[in-house]
Amino acid sequence: MVIAFGCDNNDGRFGDNPDLGWVEFRSAATTTIQAPISISIPLSINVPVYQNGLNISYTITSVEGDYTQFISSSGGVAFADPSDVTRNVSIELPIVGGDLGRDFITIFDVTLTAVDVDGVNIGVDNESILTHRVTLPCSNPAVLFDTFFVGDYTIQDVVATIGPGNGTENFQSGTITLTIDPMNPNVRIFSGVVLPAFTPNPQDISLDFTTDNVVRLGIVNSGIGCSAAEYSYGPDDANATPWDICNEQSITINYIEDINSSCGGPFPASFVLTKL
């Protein structure tokens, strides 16, 4: 016969009887990573001795979206093994398709309902955590959806040095149209003007939505400079902007201004795109 003892106890709420106690969640909520393959929800076992183990039942209910596309059951049983001296007991939920891209959030509740041992309760007072809320966030796909960051946006400098310092803008503000690069579905292209007071002709400018979940500005050349080197823009890899498949309303693109040090740079810079 194996008897489990551990640090968890029943706080003396049940006298000297070590077979009595309660079970609850250790925390009230979990937000998973973007591409989970499983979820582990720890339980707190406040029972000094459970020599035959505990079968702890739970149900799963939807809060937002359809969780059944990821989890095949509406409930189950977690077993507290008396031979496990660590007393680490969790509800383990395998996730089907969690690694696929999705532009929606799914939320569901896991609620403790019963323990199969007399004298062991679900919770002990009003502060006991009996329901654990799980949020599956949006998950960026390996290949962008063809409607993502496509169409008309406004563009406006946020941080700029040389343009405003010379009575103009780094990128001409106004409306631009984002399209899909025919050579790379993860790249968006727009026609824009750099330093419009000096170089009024538009050029194609690219934004690479990388599988590292950041956006990188492609190299942008102005054709002019303050020295022999050309005044140009490039990606700011150290401060690249994260992208989220669930948000295409606005994004601030961080980049490096004057990457060739033609006009005293390089300088950190950024512009914002806002969907119309």
Protein backbone atom coordinates (compact mmCIF):
# COMPACT_ATOMS: atom_id res chain seq x y z
CA MET A 1 0.00 0.00 0.00
CA VAL A 2 1.33 3.42 -0.99
CA ILE A 3 0.36 6.49 1.01
CA ALA A 4 1.03 9.94 -0.41
CA PHE A 5 2.24 12.70 1.87
CA GLY A 6 3.21 16.16 0.70
CA CYS A 7 3.47 19.84 1.43
CA ASP A 8 -0.17 20.44 0.50
CA ASN A 9 -2.45 19.95 3.46
CA ASN A 10 -5.99 20.71 4.55
CA ASP A 11 -4.97 23.73 6.69
CA GLY A 12 -6.48 22.05 9.72
CA ARG A 13 -9.96 22.80 8.40
CA PHE A 14 -10.94 19.15 8.79
CA GLY A 15 -9.53 18.45 12.22
CA ASP A 16 -6.97 15.70 12.49
CA ASN A 17 -8.36 13.54 9.69
CA PRO A 18 -5.70 13.39 6.90
CA ASP A 19 -8.16 11.81 4.45
CA LEU A 20 -10.30 14.94 4.22
CA GLY A 21 -9.67 18.03 2.18
CA TRP A 22 -10.40 19.74 -1.11
CA VAL A 23 -9.26 20.22 -4.68
CA GLU A 24 -9.12 23.43 -6.71
CA PHE A 25 -7.19 25.06 -9.54
CA ARG A 26 -3.90 26.77 -8.76
CA SER A 27 -4.78 29.72 -10.98
CA ALA A 28 -7.83 31.20 -12.66
CA ALA A 29 -6.71 31.62 -16.27
CA THR A 30 -4.25 30.65 -19.01
CA THR A 31 -3.48 32.23 -22.34
CA THR A 32 -1.62 29.75 -24.50
CA ILE A 33 1.17 30.40 -26.96
CA GLN A 34 0.11 30.99 -30.58
CA ALA A 35 0.57 27.38 -31.68
CA PRO A 36 -0.04 25.05 -28.72
CA ILE A 37 -0.08 21.29 -29.05
CA SER A 38 -1.46 20.79 -25.53
CA ILE A 39 -2.58 22.66 -22.42
CA SER A 40 -1.62 21.71 -18.88
CA ILE A 41 -3.76 23.17 -16.08
CA PRO A 42 -2.28 22.51 -12.59
CA LEU A 43 -4.51 21.51 -9.71
CA SER A 44 -4.00 22.14 -6.01
CA ILE A 45 -4.58 18.95 -3.99
CA ASN A 46 -5.24 19.98 -0.39
CA VAL A 47 -5.56 16.45 0.98
CA PRO A 48 -2.73 15.10 3.17
CA VAL A 49 -3.41 11.43 2.38
CA TYR A 50 -5.15 9.83 -0.60
CA GLN A 51 -3.95 6.25 -0.53
CA ASN A 52 -6.18 5.04 -3.37
CA GLY A 53 -5.81 8.14 -5.49
CA LEU A 54 -8.38 10.73 -6.53
CA ASN A 55 -10.44 10.88 -9.69
CA ILE A 56 -11.23 14.54 -10.30
CA SER A 57 -13.97 15.24 -12.84
CA TYR A 58 -14.27 18.39 -14.92
CA THR A 59 -16.37 19.84 -17.72
CA ILE A 60 -15.46 22.16 -20.60
CA THR A 61 -17.84 24.90 -21.74
CA SER A 62 -17.53 27.46 -24.52
CA VAL A 63 -17.14 31.17 -23.79
CA GLU A 64 -16.16 32.54 -27.21
CA GLY A 65 -15.82 30.62 -30.46
CA ASP A 66 -16.02 26.87 -30.96
CA TYR A 67 -13.45 25.07 -28.80
CA THR A 68 -14.50 21.66 -30.17
CA GLN A 69 -12.43 22.26 -33.32
CA PHE A 70 -9.37 22.00 -31.06
CA ILE A 71 -10.52 19.71 -28.20
CA SER A 72 -12.57 16.61 -28.88
CA SER A 73 -14.22 16.21 -25.47
CA SER A 74 -16.59 18.23 -23.30
CA GLY A 75 -15.00 17.01 -20.08
CA GLY A 76 -12.97 14.30 -18.46
CA VAL A 77 -11.19 13.02 -15.36
CA ALA A 78 -7.77 13.87 -13.96
CA PHE A 79 -6.15 11.28 -11.67
CA ALA A 80 -4.16 12.19 -8.58
CA ASP A 81 -1.72 9.28 -8.33
CA PRO A 82 -0.87 8.32 -4.71
CA SER A 83 2.54 7.02 -5.80
CA ASP A 84 3.59 10.42 -7.17
CA VAL A 85 5.40 12.07 -4.26
CA THR A 86 5.64 15.37 -6.18
CA ARG A 87 1.85 15.72 -6.03
CA ASN A 88 1.94 17.48 -9.38
CA VAL A 89 -1.55 16.90 -10.71
CA SER A 90 -2.81 18.63 -13.85
CA ILE A 91 -5.63 18.48 -16.34
CA GLU A 92 -3.96 17.71 -19.67
CA LEU A 93 -5.79 18.77 -22.81
CA PRO A 94 -4.33 17.81 -26.22
CA ILE A 95 -4.93 20.49 -28.86
CA VAL A 96 -5.74 19.40 -32.40
CA GLY A 97 -4.69 21.84 -35.11
CA GLY A 98 -3.35 24.39 -32.66
CA ASP A 99 -0.32 24.93 -34.85
CA LEU A 100 -2.41 26.10 -37.83
CA GLY A 101 -2.84 29.78 -38.61
CA ARG A 102 -6.11 31.34 -37.43
CA ASP A 103 -7.45 34.87 -37.32
CA PHE A 104 -9.82 34.38 -34.39
CA ILE A 105 -9.68 33.90 -30.63
CA THR A 106 -11.21 30.91 -28.83
CA ILE A 107 -12.05 30.98 -25.13
CA PHE A 108 -13.43 28.18 -22.96
CA ASP A 109 -13.86 27.37 -19.27
CA VAL A 110 -12.70 24.21 -17.52
CA THR A 111 -14.77 23.66 -14.37
CA LEU A 112 -14.16 21.13 -11.60
CA THR A 113 -17.31 19.16 -10.82
CA ALA A 114 -16.58 16.24 -8.46
CA VAL A 115 -14.05 14.04 -6.68
CA ASP A 116 -14.76 10.33 -6.27
CA VAL A 117 -13.61 10.13 -2.63
CA ASP A 118 -15.97 10.93 0.24
CA GLY A 119 -14.74 13.82 2.33
CA VAL A 120 -12.74 15.39 -0.48
CA ASN A 121 -14.59 18.40 -1.83
CA ILE A 122 -14.39 20.64 -4.87
CA GLY A 123 -13.25 23.85 -3.22
CA VAL A 124 -13.51 24.84 0.41
CA ASP A 125 -14.85 28.41 0.43
CA ASN A 126 -15.91 31.28 -1.81
CA GLU A 127 -12.28 32.06 -2.67
CA SER A 128 -11.56 28.60 -4.06
CA ILE A 129 -10.77 28.56 -7.79
CA LEU A 130 -13.16 26.07 -9.35
CA THR A 131 -13.14 27.36 -12.94
CA HIS A 132 -10.08 27.97 -15.10
CA ARG A 133 -10.49 30.08 -18.24
CA VAL A 134 -8.35 29.16 -21.26
CA THR A 135 -7.71 31.53 -24.16
CA LEU A 136 -6.33 30.34 -27.48
CA PRO A 137 -5.03 33.50 -29.17
CA CYS A 138 -4.76 34.20 -32.87
CA SER A 139 -1.99 32.26 -34.57
CA ASN A 140 0.08 33.80 -37.36
CA PRO A 141 0.09 31.51 -40.40
CA ALA A 142 3.21 30.49 -42.29
CA VAL A 143 1.65 32.05 -45.39
CA LEU A 144 -0.42 35.22 -45.03
CA PHE A 145 -4.11 35.15 -45.83
CA ASP A 146 -4.64 36.96 -49.13
CA THR A 147 -6.92 39.53 -47.49
CA PHE A 148 -4.46 40.49 -44.75
CA PHE A 149 -3.04 44.02 -45.00
CA VAL A 150 -4.38 44.50 -48.50
CA GLY A 151 -6.17 47.62 -49.72
CA ASP A 152 -6.11 51.30 -48.89
CA TYR A 153 -4.24 52.69 -45.88
CA THR A 154 -3.03 56.09 -44.78
CA ILE A 155 0.70 56.54 -44.20
CA GLN A 156 2.20 59.03 -41.78
CA ASP A 157 5.69 59.56 -40.33
CA VAL A 158 5.93 58.86 -36.60
CA VAL A 159 9.66 59.30 -35.99
CA ALA A 160 11.75 60.96 -38.70
CA THR A 161 14.92 63.07 -38.81
CA ILE A 162 16.17 64.18 -42.24
CA GLY A 163 12.75 64.76 -43.83
CA PRO A 164 11.28 67.08 -41.16
CA GLY A 165 14.71 68.65 -40.64
CA ASN A 166 14.58 69.84 -44.25
CA GLY A 167 10.98 70.95 -44.43
CA THR A 168 9.55 67.74 -45.83
CA GLU A 169 8.70 64.16 -44.79
CA ASN A 170 10.57 60.87 -44.82
CA PHE A 171 7.52 59.26 -46.47
CA GLN A 172 4.93 61.43 -48.16
CA SER A 173 1.76 61.28 -46.08
CA GLY A 174 -1.56 60.39 -47.69
CA THR A 175 -3.29 57.27 -48.99
CA ILE A 176 -1.40 54.26 -50.28
CA THR A 177 -2.64 50.89 -51.56
CA LEU A 178 -1.09 47.68 -50.29
CA THR A 179 -0.95 44.74 -52.70
CA ILE A 180 0.51 41.23 -52.56
CA ASP A 181 3.97 40.75 -54.02
CA PRO A 182 3.46 38.23 -56.86
CA MET A 183 6.82 36.67 -56.00
CA ASN A 184 6.20 36.28 -52.25
CA PRO A 185 2.75 35.99 -50.59
CA ASN A 186 4.19 37.23 -47.29
CA VAL A 187 5.33 40.55 -48.75
CA ARG A 188 3.12 43.60 -49.22
CA ILE A 189 4.03 46.34 -51.72
CA PHE A 190 2.90 49.94 -52.01
CA SER A 191 3.87 52.90 -54.16
CA GLY A 192 5.33 55.67 -52.00
CA VAL A 193 7.40 58.83 -52.20
CA VAL A 194 10.56 59.40 -50.14
CA LEU A 195 11.56 63.00 -49.24
CA PRO A 196 8.78 64.40 -51.49
CA ALA A 197 10.27 67.91 -51.62
CA PHE A 198 13.39 66.49 -53.28
CA THR A 199 12.41 63.20 -54.94
CA PRO A 200 8.76 63.47 -56.03
CA ASN A 201 8.67 60.29 -58.11
CA PRO A 202 7.00 57.28 -56.43
CA GLN A 203 8.72 53.93 -56.05
CA ASP A 204 7.70 50.44 -54.93
CA ILE A 205 8.25 49.91 -51.20
CA SER A 206 8.03 46.46 -49.63
CA LEU A 207 7.03 45.15 -46.21
CA ASP A 208 8.04 41.59 -45.36
CA PHE A 209 5.76 39.88 -42.81
CA THR A 210 8.29 37.27 -41.70
CA THR A 211 7.68 33.87 -40.15
CA ASP A 212 9.51 35.28 -37.10
CA ASN A 213 6.29 37.30 -36.61
CA VAL A 214 7.88 40.68 -37.29
CA VAL A 215 7.63 43.14 -40.20
CA ARG A 216 10.78 44.26 -42.02
CA LEU A 217 10.94 47.24 -44.36
CA GLY A 218 12.75 46.48 -47.59
CA ILE A 219 15.65 48.64 -48.70
CA VAL A 220 14.45 52.04 -49.92
CA ASN A 221 16.85 54.22 -51.93
CA SER A 222 16.30 57.93 -52.49
CA GLY A 223 18.73 58.52 -55.33
CA ILE A 224 20.23 61.47 -53.48
CA GLY A 225 22.53 62.00 -50.52
CA CYS A 226 24.40 64.50 -48.38
CA SER A 227 27.72 62.90 -49.33
CA ALA A 228 28.99 60.36 -51.84
CA ALA A 229 26.90 57.70 -50.10
CA GLU A 230 23.20 57.43 -50.95
CA TYR A 231 20.53 58.40 -48.39
CA SER A 232 18.55 55.18 -47.88
CA TYR A 233 16.24 53.32 -45.49
CA GLY A 234 16.50 49.74 -44.26
CA PRO A 235 14.99 47.35 -41.72
CA ASP A 236 15.51 47.83 -37.99
CA ASP A 237 16.09 44.20 -37.07
CA ALA A 238 16.71 44.99 -33.40
CA ASN A 239 13.32 46.74 -33.08
CA ALA A 240 11.28 45.07 -35.79
CA THR A 241 7.54 45.52 -35.39
CA PRO A 242 5.56 42.40 -34.34
CA TRP A 243 2.57 41.54 -36.51
CA ASP A 244 -0.68 39.88 -35.49
CA ILE A 245 -2.98 38.11 -37.94
CA CYS A 246 -5.96 39.39 -35.93
CA ASN A 247 -5.01 43.03 -36.36
CA GLU A 248 -4.80 44.67 -39.76
CA GLN A 249 -6.30 48.00 -38.71
CA SER A 250 -3.03 49.75 -37.92
CA ILE A 251 0.67 49.01 -37.65
CA THR A 252 3.74 51.11 -36.89
CA ILE A 253 6.76 50.09 -38.97
CA ASN A 254 10.13 50.65 -37.33
CA TYR A 255 13.06 51.12 -39.67
CA ILE A 256 16.54 52.66 -39.89
CA GLU A 257 16.87 56.00 -41.65
CA ASP A 258 20.10 56.84 -43.50
CA ILE A 259 21.60 53.37 -43.30
CA ASN A 260 24.67 54.50 -45.27
CA SER A 261 25.41 57.44 -42.94
CA SER A 262 25.11 59.88 -45.83
CA CYS A 263 23.40 62.61 -43.79
CA GLY A 264 24.71 61.98 -40.27
CA GLY A 265 22.75 58.80 -39.61
CA PRO A 266 21.83 56.13 -39.04
CA PHE A 267 18.69 57.20 -37.14
CA PRO A 268 15.83 55.16 -35.70
CA ALA A 269 12.63 55.97 -37.56
CA SER A 270 9.06 54.77 -38.00
CA PHE A 271 5.82 55.36 -39.87
CA VAL A 272 2.26 54.25 -39.19
CA LEU A 273 -0.20 52.61 -41.59
CA THR A 274 -3.91 52.92 -40.76
CA LYS A 275 -6.63 51.06 -42.65
CA LEU A 276 -9.30 53.13 -44.38
